[in-house]
Amino acid sequence: MGRTDQIVRVASTAAEAKVLVAILQAEGIPAYVDSASLADEFAMARQMMNLQGVQVRVPEGAVERACEVLANAQVDDVELEAQALAAAPEPVMPASATPAGSGVTWWALALVVLGGGAILFAVTGGFSDSVYMR
């Protein structure tokens, strides 16, 4: 409980903060993104709209080393997105699956609904007890 952590960088986005934390952790420095600033709805809304930065924190004894590591660390959001898209695996569709645009699924669903309606109509006696028959 006596451990105090210090802010070593305020990132502009959560993605940037996560990259900075990963860089620090790769160097053996325990780091984390401070979520204490999300104490109420107003702070959460500001965080979601990126009106306040995301704090990257490390233990007090690691501040100097963390600052050295982060001195040249720049996270380019465009490059980060490009790398994430390049690393993402291509979606694999099972061979037995029908293409998204096929009408087979819709026809089957329509037949089930209409068939169920016809069965319900027959079981309940149709219009015999309704106001249409009076």
C-alpha atoms as a PDB file:
ATOM      1  CA  MET A   1       0.000   0.000   0.000  1.00  0.00           C
ATOM      2  CA  GLY A   2       2.971   2.335   0.521  1.00  0.00           C
ATOM      3  CA  ARG A   3       3.944   2.106  -3.141  1.00  0.00           C
ATOM      4  CA  THR A   4       3.483   5.317  -5.080  1.00  0.00           C
ATOM      5  CA  ASP A   5       3.371   5.414  -8.845  1.00  0.00           C
ATOM      6  CA  GLN A   6       4.253   8.320 -11.070  1.00  0.00           C
ATOM      7  CA  ILE A   7       2.993   9.496 -14.447  1.00  0.00           C
ATOM      8  CA  VAL A   8       5.708   9.149 -17.094  1.00  0.00           C
ATOM      9  CA  ARG A   9       3.672  10.040 -20.165  1.00  0.00           C
ATOM     10  CA  VAL A  10       0.204  11.270 -21.035  1.00  0.00           C
ATOM     11  CA  ALA A  11      -0.881   9.639 -24.275  1.00  0.00           C
ATOM     12  CA  SER A  12      -3.475  11.203 -26.529  1.00  0.00           C
ATOM     13  CA  THR A  13      -5.372   7.943 -27.124  1.00  0.00           C
ATOM     14  CA  ALA A  14      -5.904   4.664 -25.319  1.00  0.00           C
ATOM     15  CA  ALA A  15      -4.220   2.801 -28.189  1.00  0.00           C
ATOM     16  CA  GLU A  16      -1.113   4.956 -27.887  1.00  0.00           C
ATOM     17  CA  ALA A  17      -1.045   4.409 -24.112  1.00  0.00           C
ATOM     18  CA  LYS A  18      -1.248   0.635 -24.570  1.00  0.00           C
ATOM     19  CA  VAL A  19       1.690   0.712 -26.984  1.00  0.00           C
ATOM     20  CA  LEU A  20       3.742   2.792 -24.541  1.00  0.00           C
ATOM     21  CA  VAL A  21       2.916   0.378 -21.712  1.00  0.00           C
ATOM     22  CA  ALA A  22       3.982  -2.539 -23.933  1.00  0.00           C
ATOM     23  CA  ILE A  23       7.287  -0.805 -24.722  1.00  0.00           C
ATOM     24  CA  LEU A  24       7.968  -0.244 -21.024  1.00  0.00           C
ATOM     25  CA  GLN A  25       6.990  -3.776 -20.060  1.00  0.00           C
ATOM     26  CA  ALA A  26       9.245  -5.166 -22.798  1.00  0.00           C
ATOM     27  CA  GLU A  27      12.109  -3.343 -21.059  1.00  0.00           C
ATOM     28  CA  GLY A  28      11.172  -4.954 -17.753  1.00  0.00           C
ATOM     29  CA  ILE A  29       9.518  -1.850 -16.315  1.00  0.00           C
ATOM     30  CA  PRO A  30       6.135  -2.492 -14.676  1.00  0.00           C
ATOM     31  CA  ALA A  31       3.776  -0.011 -16.278  1.00  0.00           C
ATOM     32  CA  TYR A  32       0.031   0.399 -16.560  1.00  0.00           C
ATOM     33  CA  VAL A  33      -2.631   2.756 -17.881  1.00  0.00           C
ATOM     34  CA  ASP A  34      -4.241   4.770 -15.111  1.00  0.00           C
ATOM     35  CA  SER A  35      -7.970   4.179 -14.989  1.00  0.00           C
ATOM     36  CA  ALA A  36      -8.508   6.150 -11.782  1.00  0.00           C
ATOM     37  CA  SER A  37      -9.431   9.179 -13.886  1.00  0.00           C
ATOM     38  CA  LEU A  38     -12.637   7.340 -14.808  1.00  0.00           C
ATOM     39  CA  ALA A  39     -14.202   8.035 -11.427  1.00  0.00           C
ATOM     40  CA  ASP A  40     -17.460   9.551 -12.652  1.00  0.00           C
ATOM     41  CA  GLU A  41     -19.567   9.899 -15.801  1.00  0.00           C
ATOM     42  CA  PHE A  42     -18.135  13.304 -16.684  1.00  0.00           C
ATOM     43  CA  ALA A  43     -14.553  12.020 -16.541  1.00  0.00           C
ATOM     44  CA  MET A  44     -15.537   8.932 -18.530  1.00  0.00           C
ATOM     45  CA  ALA A  45     -17.168  11.062 -21.239  1.00  0.00           C
ATOM     46  CA  ARG A  46     -14.072  13.270 -21.473  1.00  0.00           C
ATOM     47  CA  GLN A  47     -11.908  10.159 -21.740  1.00  0.00           C
ATOM     48  CA  MET A  48     -14.078   8.671 -24.501  1.00  0.00           C
ATOM     49  CA  MET A  49     -13.962  11.898 -26.492  1.00  0.00           C
ATOM     50  CA  ASN A  50     -10.173  12.138 -26.005  1.00  0.00           C
ATOM     51  CA  LEU A  51     -10.521  15.494 -24.266  1.00  0.00           C
ATOM     52  CA  GLN A  52      -8.089  14.366 -21.604  1.00  0.00           C
ATOM     53  CA  GLY A  53      -5.046  12.233 -22.076  1.00  0.00           C
ATOM     54  CA  VAL A  54      -4.484   8.679 -20.947  1.00  0.00           C
ATOM     55  CA  GLN A  55      -1.912   8.482 -18.157  1.00  0.00           C
ATOM     56  CA  VAL A  56       0.867   5.902 -18.308  1.00  0.00           C
ATOM     57  CA  ARG A  57       2.195   5.162 -14.806  1.00  0.00           C
ATOM     58  CA  VAL A  58       5.212   3.331 -13.397  1.00  0.00           C
ATOM     59  CA  PRO A  59       6.507   2.717  -9.868  1.00  0.00           C
ATOM     60  CA  GLU A  60       8.390   5.663  -8.383  1.00  0.00           C
ATOM     61  CA  GLY A  61      11.736   3.833  -8.509  1.00  0.00           C
ATOM     62  CA  ALA A  62      11.409   3.197 -12.274  1.00  0.00           C
ATOM     63  CA  VAL A  63      10.550   6.737 -13.380  1.00  0.00           C
ATOM     64  CA  GLU A  64      14.040   7.674 -14.557  1.00  0.00           C
ATOM     65  CA  ARG A  65      14.519   4.462 -16.564  1.00  0.00           C
ATOM     66  CA  ALA A  66      11.000   4.722 -18.025  1.00  0.00           C
ATOM     67  CA  CYS A  67      11.655   8.290 -19.156  1.00  0.00           C
ATOM     68  CA  GLU A  68      14.873   7.134 -20.854  1.00  0.00           C
ATOM     69  CA  VAL A  69      13.035   4.344 -22.662  1.00  0.00           C
ATOM     70  CA  LEU A  70      10.183   6.611 -23.734  1.00  0.00           C
ATOM     71  CA  ALA A  71      12.423   9.520 -24.747  1.00  0.00           C
ATOM     72  CA  ASN A  72      12.403   8.474 -28.397  1.00  0.00           C
ATOM     73  CA  ALA A  73       9.179   6.479 -28.406  1.00  0.00           C
ATOM     74  CA  GLN A  74       6.682   7.979 -30.806  1.00  0.00           C
ATOM     75  CA  VAL A  75       3.452   6.219 -31.694  1.00  0.00           C
ATOM     76  CA  ASP A  76       2.007   7.168 -35.070  1.00  0.00           C
ATOM     77  CA  ASP A  77      -1.711   6.335 -35.077  1.00  0.00           C
ATOM     78  CA  VAL A  78      -1.809   5.881 -38.862  1.00  0.00           C
ATOM     79  CA  GLU A  79       1.155   3.488 -38.812  1.00  0.00           C
ATOM     80  CA  LEU A  80      -0.332   1.655 -35.811  1.00  0.00           C
ATOM     81  CA  GLU A  81      -3.615   1.141 -37.657  1.00  0.00           C
ATOM     82  CA  ALA A  82      -1.825   0.000 -40.819  1.00  0.00           C
ATOM     83  CA  GLN A  83       0.182  -2.562 -38.844  1.00  0.00           C
ATOM     84  CA  ALA A  84      -2.922  -3.820 -37.061  1.00  0.00           C
ATOM     85  CA  LEU A  85      -4.781  -4.250 -40.344  1.00  0.00           C
ATOM     86  CA  ALA A  86      -1.807  -5.991 -41.932  1.00  0.00           C
ATOM     87  CA  ALA A  87      -1.473  -8.377 -38.984  1.00  0.00           C
ATOM     88  CA  ALA A  88      -5.166  -9.229 -38.837  1.00  0.00           C
ATOM     89  CA  PRO A  89      -5.909 -12.682 -40.232  1.00  0.00           C
ATOM     90  CA  GLU A  90      -8.210 -12.946 -43.216  1.00  0.00           C
ATOM     91  CA  PRO A  91     -11.688 -14.135 -42.238  1.00  0.00           C
ATOM     92  CA  VAL A  92     -12.186 -17.770 -43.196  1.00  0.00           C
ATOM     93  CA  MET A  93     -15.639 -18.850 -44.288  1.00  0.00           C
ATOM     94  CA  PRO A  94     -16.402 -22.566 -43.986  1.00  0.00           C
ATOM     95  CA  ALA A  95     -16.851 -24.298 -47.323  1.00  0.00           C
ATOM     96  CA  SER A  96     -20.379 -25.393 -46.395  1.00  0.00           C
ATOM     97  CA  ALA A  97     -21.541 -21.877 -45.556  1.00  0.00           C
ATOM     98  CA  THR A  98     -23.667 -20.044 -48.074  1.00  0.00           C
ATOM     99  CA  PRO A  99     -22.592 -16.592 -49.249  1.00  0.00           C
ATOM    100  CA  ALA A 100     -24.047 -13.659 -47.342  1.00  0.00           C
ATOM    101  CA  GLY A 101     -26.077 -12.463 -50.314  1.00  0.00           C
ATOM    102  CA  SER A 102     -27.851 -15.773 -51.092  1.00  0.00           C
ATOM    103  CA  GLY A 103     -31.603 -15.774 -50.858  1.00  0.00           C
ATOM    104  CA  VAL A 104     -31.778 -19.420 -49.739  1.00  0.00           C
ATOM    105  CA  THR A 105     -31.696 -18.467 -46.070  1.00  0.00           C
ATOM    106  CA  TRP A 106     -34.467 -15.899 -46.454  1.00  0.00           C
ATOM    107  CA  TRP A 107     -36.715 -18.283 -48.371  1.00  0.00           C
ATOM    108  CA  ALA A 108     -36.251 -20.963 -45.731  1.00  0.00           C
ATOM    109  CA  LEU A 109     -37.068 -18.497 -42.964  1.00  0.00           C
ATOM    110  CA  ALA A 110     -40.156 -17.253 -44.834  1.00  0.00           C
ATOM    111  CA  LEU A 111     -41.410 -20.824 -45.353  1.00  0.00           C
ATOM    112  CA  VAL A 112     -40.956 -21.653 -41.675  1.00  0.00           C
ATOM    113  CA  VAL A 113     -42.840 -18.527 -40.566  1.00  0.00           C
ATOM    114  CA  LEU A 114     -45.673 -19.025 -43.055  1.00  0.00           C
ATOM    115  CA  GLY A 115     -45.915 -22.742 -42.274  1.00  0.00           C
ATOM    116  CA  GLY A 116     -46.030 -22.021 -38.557  1.00  0.00           C
ATOM    117  CA  GLY A 117     -48.740 -19.434 -39.129  1.00  0.00           C
ATOM    118  CA  ALA A 118     -50.792 -21.871 -41.204  1.00  0.00           C
ATOM    119  CA  ILE A 119     -50.511 -24.569 -38.533  1.00  0.00           C
ATOM    120  CA  LEU A 120     -51.503 -22.114 -35.797  1.00  0.00           C
ATOM    121  CA  PHE A 121     -54.454 -20.948 -37.931  1.00  0.00           C
ATOM    122  CA  ALA A 122     -55.639 -24.527 -38.441  1.00  0.00           C
ATOM    123  CA  VAL A 123     -55.226 -25.540 -34.788  1.00  0.00           C
ATOM    124  CA  THR A 124     -57.106 -22.543 -33.408  1.00  0.00           C
ATOM    125  CA  GLY A 125     -60.020 -22.994 -35.788  1.00  0.00           C
ATOM    126  CA  GLY A 126     -59.226 -20.143 -38.112  1.00  0.00           C
ATOM    127  CA  PHE A 127     -61.753 -17.351 -38.224  1.00  0.00           C
ATOM    128  CA  SER A 128     -64.659 -19.389 -36.735  1.00  0.00           C
ATOM    129  CA  ASP A 129     -64.619 -17.626 -33.342  1.00  0.00           C
ATOM    130  CA  SER A 130     -63.541 -14.239 -34.551  1.00  0.00           C
ATOM    131  CA  VAL A 131     -65.518 -11.048 -35.131  1.00  0.00           C
ATOM    132  CA  TYR A 132     -65.358 -11.648 -38.870  1.00  0.00           C
ATOM    133  CA  MET A 133     -67.757 -14.565 -38.625  1.00  0.00           C
ATOM    134  CA  ARG A 134     -70.534 -12.779 -36.667  1.00  0.00           C
END
